[in-house]
Amino acid sequence: MNSVASQSFSNDIMDQFDNEERQVPHSSKPIDLVHLSRQTFGSKELENEVLGLFVSHSRQCLERLKSAETSKEWQDVLHTIKGSARAIGAWKTADVAESYEQKGDELSRTEKTTALNDIQSEIKTTVSYIEGLI
């Protein structure tokens, strides 16, 4: 079924999923473990693997963010962090990344330093929590 109608239907489902995902309230924990379990089909082994990948990937992204020379690079890295965080249910981390991603070109050099500190702090909190899990 490759019709325009089926593409529209698929997009509608994805929009609904995105909206549902964004309506998840933040818990006191940095990661929504129920969401993570759904994403990994209840497999603890897969959970650990995904969490380990988030830890290493988020550290790489922070380094890329520190060296980003253009607003486009900055936004791309923040977009990547946002997606990775959402995949594991790290809603607050995703929201912080998204808020700075959306501001993009509007951020001064000083504001980017503040943003970098904010996202680093949030990732550090999430990574510390992950390290306690795996």
C-alpha atoms as a PDB file:
ATOM      1  CA  MET A   1       0.000   0.000   0.000  1.00  0.00           C
ATOM      2  CA  ASN A   2       2.102   2.907  -1.292  1.00  0.00           C
ATOM      3  CA  SER A   3      -0.690   5.365  -1.891  1.00  0.00           C
ATOM      4  CA  VAL A   4      -0.784   8.937  -0.668  1.00  0.00           C
ATOM      5  CA  ALA A   5      -3.592   7.896   1.676  1.00  0.00           C
ATOM      6  CA  SER A   6      -1.407   5.287   3.337  1.00  0.00           C
ATOM      7  CA  GLN A   7       1.421   7.817   3.704  1.00  0.00           C
ATOM      8  CA  SER A   8      -1.010  10.268   5.281  1.00  0.00           C
ATOM      9  CA  PHE A   9      -2.272   7.564   7.616  1.00  0.00           C
ATOM     10  CA  SER A  10       1.307   6.739   8.635  1.00  0.00           C
ATOM     11  CA  ASN A  11       2.051  10.397   9.286  1.00  0.00           C
ATOM     12  CA  ASP A  12      -1.118  10.718  11.378  1.00  0.00           C
ATOM     13  CA  ILE A  13      -0.043   7.766  13.514  1.00  0.00           C
ATOM     14  CA  MET A  14       3.434   9.260  14.002  1.00  0.00           C
ATOM     15  CA  ASP A  15       1.949  12.656  14.921  1.00  0.00           C
ATOM     16  CA  GLN A  16      -0.287  10.950  17.481  1.00  0.00           C
ATOM     17  CA  PHE A  17       2.702   9.032  18.889  1.00  0.00           C
ATOM     18  CA  ASP A  18       4.748  12.244  19.116  1.00  0.00           C
ATOM     19  CA  ASN A  19       1.917  14.036  20.910  1.00  0.00           C
ATOM     20  CA  GLU A  20       1.393  11.171  23.355  1.00  0.00           C
ATOM     21  CA  GLU A  21       5.107  11.024  24.035  1.00  0.00           C
ATOM     22  CA  ARG A  22       5.275  14.724  24.821  1.00  0.00           C
ATOM     23  CA  GLN A  23       2.371  14.513  27.240  1.00  0.00           C
ATOM     24  CA  VAL A  24       4.231  12.148  29.544  1.00  0.00           C
ATOM     25  CA  PRO A  25       4.714  13.886  32.887  1.00  0.00           C
ATOM     26  CA  HIS A  26       8.205  14.092  34.277  1.00  0.00           C
ATOM     27  CA  SER A  27       8.808  11.742  37.130  1.00  0.00           C
ATOM     28  CA  SER A  28      11.381  12.248  39.836  1.00  0.00           C
ATOM     29  CA  LYS A  29      13.613   9.753  38.039  1.00  0.00           C
ATOM     30  CA  PRO A  30      15.731  10.852  35.061  1.00  0.00           C
ATOM     31  CA  ILE A  31      14.457   7.924  32.962  1.00  0.00           C
ATOM     32  CA  ASP A  32      10.942   6.618  32.463  1.00  0.00           C
ATOM     33  CA  LEU A  33      11.641   2.929  33.063  1.00  0.00           C
ATOM     34  CA  VAL A  34       8.218   1.866  31.819  1.00  0.00           C
ATOM     35  CA  HIS A  35       8.867   3.589  28.483  1.00  0.00           C
ATOM     36  CA  LEU A  36      12.355   2.060  28.321  1.00  0.00           C
ATOM     37  CA  SER A  37      10.941  -1.392  28.977  1.00  0.00           C
ATOM     38  CA  ARG A  38       8.404  -0.948  26.156  1.00  0.00           C
ATOM     39  CA  GLN A  39      11.161   0.208  23.807  1.00  0.00           C
ATOM     40  CA  THR A  40      13.290  -2.827  24.620  1.00  0.00           C
ATOM     41  CA  PHE A  41      10.430  -5.338  24.684  1.00  0.00           C
ATOM     42  CA  GLY A  42      11.105  -6.044  28.366  1.00  0.00           C
ATOM     43  CA  SER A  43      14.597  -7.372  27.678  1.00  0.00           C
ATOM     44  CA  LYS A  44      16.999  -6.353  30.479  1.00  0.00           C
ATOM     45  CA  GLU A  45      19.944  -7.225  28.258  1.00  0.00           C
ATOM     46  CA  LEU A  46      18.689  -4.903  25.523  1.00  0.00           C
ATOM     47  CA  GLU A  47      17.892  -2.192  28.107  1.00  0.00           C
ATOM     48  CA  ASN A  48      21.470  -2.301  29.354  1.00  0.00           C
ATOM     49  CA  GLU A  49      22.817  -2.169  25.826  1.00  0.00           C
ATOM     50  CA  VAL A  50      20.615   0.799  24.880  1.00  0.00           C
ATOM     51  CA  LEU A  51      21.481   2.640  28.089  1.00  0.00           C
ATOM     52  CA  GLY A  52      25.191   2.007  27.536  1.00  0.00           C
ATOM     53  CA  LEU A  53      24.877   3.375  24.018  1.00  0.00           C
ATOM     54  CA  PHE A  54      23.134   6.479  25.356  1.00  0.00           C
ATOM     55  CA  VAL A  55      25.978   7.077  27.826  1.00  0.00           C
ATOM     56  CA  SER A  56      28.717   6.888  25.194  1.00  0.00           C
ATOM     57  CA  HIS A  57      26.690   8.695  22.545  1.00  0.00           C
ATOM     58  CA  SER A  58      25.700  11.558  24.840  1.00  0.00           C
ATOM     59  CA  ARG A  59      29.361  12.113  25.775  1.00  0.00           C
ATOM     60  CA  GLN A  60      30.285  12.258  22.088  1.00  0.00           C
ATOM     61  CA  CYS A  61      27.450  14.693  21.451  1.00  0.00           C
ATOM     62  CA  LEU A  62      28.627  16.970  24.251  1.00  0.00           C
ATOM     63  CA  GLU A  63      32.074  17.100  22.669  1.00  0.00           C
ATOM     64  CA  ARG A  64      30.513  17.898  19.294  1.00  0.00           C
ATOM     65  CA  LEU A  65      28.377  20.583  20.913  1.00  0.00           C
ATOM     66  CA  LYS A  66      31.446  22.196  22.500  1.00  0.00           C
ATOM     67  CA  SER A  67      33.173  22.379  19.127  1.00  0.00           C
ATOM     68  CA  ALA A  68      30.145  23.347  17.018  1.00  0.00           C
ATOM     69  CA  GLU A  69      31.051  26.332  14.880  1.00  0.00           C
ATOM     70  CA  THR A  70      27.697  27.113  13.329  1.00  0.00           C
ATOM     71  CA  SER A  71      24.141  27.388  14.572  1.00  0.00           C
ATOM     72  CA  LYS A  72      23.230  24.543  12.214  1.00  0.00           C
ATOM     73  CA  GLU A  73      25.816  22.246  13.811  1.00  0.00           C
ATOM     74  CA  TRP A  74      24.590  23.320  17.261  1.00  0.00           C
ATOM     75  CA  GLN A  75      20.973  22.560  16.386  1.00  0.00           C
ATOM     76  CA  ASP A  76      21.843  19.232  14.749  1.00  0.00           C
ATOM     77  CA  VAL A  77      23.681  18.004  17.843  1.00  0.00           C
ATOM     78  CA  LEU A  78      20.885  19.128  20.155  1.00  0.00           C
ATOM     79  CA  HIS A  79      18.369  17.414  17.882  1.00  0.00           C
ATOM     80  CA  THR A  80      20.396  14.205  18.157  1.00  0.00           C
ATOM     81  CA  ILE A  81      20.546  14.460  21.953  1.00  0.00           C
ATOM     82  CA  LYS A  82      16.798  15.092  22.060  1.00  0.00           C
ATOM     83  CA  GLY A  83      16.066  11.992  19.952  1.00  0.00           C
ATOM     84  CA  SER A  84      18.403   9.758  21.924  1.00  0.00           C
ATOM     85  CA  ALA A  85      16.948  10.951  25.208  1.00  0.00           C
ATOM     86  CA  ARG A  86      13.381  10.385  24.060  1.00  0.00           C
ATOM     87  CA  ALA A  87      14.245   6.878  22.912  1.00  0.00           C
ATOM     88  CA  ILE A  88      15.162   5.875  26.462  1.00  0.00           C
ATOM     89  CA  GLY A  89      12.508   7.959  28.215  1.00  0.00           C
ATOM     90  CA  ALA A  90      14.832  10.689  29.503  1.00  0.00           C
ATOM     91  CA  TRP A  91      12.098  13.295  29.072  1.00  0.00           C
ATOM     92  CA  LYS A  92      13.727  16.160  30.964  1.00  0.00           C
ATOM     93  CA  THR A  93      17.002  15.742  29.071  1.00  0.00           C
ATOM     94  CA  ALA A  94      15.059  15.756  25.806  1.00  0.00           C
ATOM     95  CA  ASP A  95      13.113  18.864  26.820  1.00  0.00           C
ATOM     96  CA  VAL A  96      16.257  20.795  27.757  1.00  0.00           C
ATOM     97  CA  ALA A  97      17.886  19.866  24.439  1.00  0.00           C
ATOM     98  CA  GLU A  98      14.736  20.775  22.531  1.00  0.00           C
ATOM     99  CA  SER A  99      14.379  24.159  24.197  1.00  0.00           C
ATOM    100  CA  TYR A 100      17.892  25.175  23.145  1.00  0.00           C
ATOM    101  CA  GLU A 101      17.537  23.554  19.734  1.00  0.00           C
ATOM    102  CA  GLN A 102      14.494  25.724  19.036  1.00  0.00           C
ATOM    103  CA  LYS A 103      16.308  28.901  20.058  1.00  0.00           C
ATOM    104  CA  GLY A 104      19.199  28.100  17.706  1.00  0.00           C
ATOM    105  CA  ASP A 105      20.202  31.301  15.938  1.00  0.00           C
ATOM    106  CA  GLU A 106      18.789  33.477  18.708  1.00  0.00           C
ATOM    107  CA  LEU A 107      21.406  32.458  21.283  1.00  0.00           C
ATOM    108  CA  SER A 108      24.336  34.743  21.990  1.00  0.00           C
ATOM    109  CA  ARG A 109      27.756  33.322  22.801  1.00  0.00           C
ATOM    110  CA  THR A 110      27.046  33.782  26.537  1.00  0.00           C
ATOM    111  CA  GLU A 111      23.651  32.100  26.220  1.00  0.00           C
ATOM    112  CA  LYS A 112      25.262  29.177  24.389  1.00  0.00           C
ATOM    113  CA  THR A 113      27.668  28.764  27.296  1.00  0.00           C
ATOM    114  CA  THR A 114      24.706  28.685  29.678  1.00  0.00           C
ATOM    115  CA  ALA A 115      22.906  26.238  27.391  1.00  0.00           C
ATOM    116  CA  LEU A 116      25.963  23.988  27.224  1.00  0.00           C
ATOM    117  CA  ASN A 117      26.197  23.992  31.024  1.00  0.00           C
ATOM    118  CA  ASP A 118      22.481  23.197  31.333  1.00  0.00           C
ATOM    119  CA  ILE A 119      22.574  20.304  28.869  1.00  0.00           C
ATOM    120  CA  GLN A 120      25.817  18.971  30.387  1.00  0.00           C
ATOM    121  CA  SER A 121      24.259  19.033  33.843  1.00  0.00           C
ATOM    122  CA  GLU A 122      21.123  17.263  32.660  1.00  0.00           C
ATOM    123  CA  ILE A 123      23.099  14.606  30.794  1.00  0.00           C
ATOM    124  CA  LYS A 124      25.346  14.114  33.837  1.00  0.00           C
ATOM    125  CA  THR A 125      22.268  13.505  36.011  1.00  0.00           C
ATOM    126  CA  THR A 126      20.869  11.034  33.469  1.00  0.00           C
ATOM    127  CA  VAL A 127      24.200   9.227  33.026  1.00  0.00           C
ATOM    128  CA  SER A 128      24.686   8.951  36.798  1.00  0.00           C
ATOM    129  CA  TYR A 129      21.241   7.384  37.076  1.00  0.00           C
ATOM    130  CA  ILE A 130      22.020   4.986  34.222  1.00  0.00           C
ATOM    131  CA  GLU A 131      25.296   3.956  35.826  1.00  0.00           C
ATOM    132  CA  GLY A 132      23.320   3.029  38.934  1.00  0.00           C
ATOM    133  CA  LEU A 133      21.066   0.814  36.817  1.00  0.00           C
ATOM    134  CA  ILE A 134      23.611  -1.106  34.754  1.00  0.00           C
END
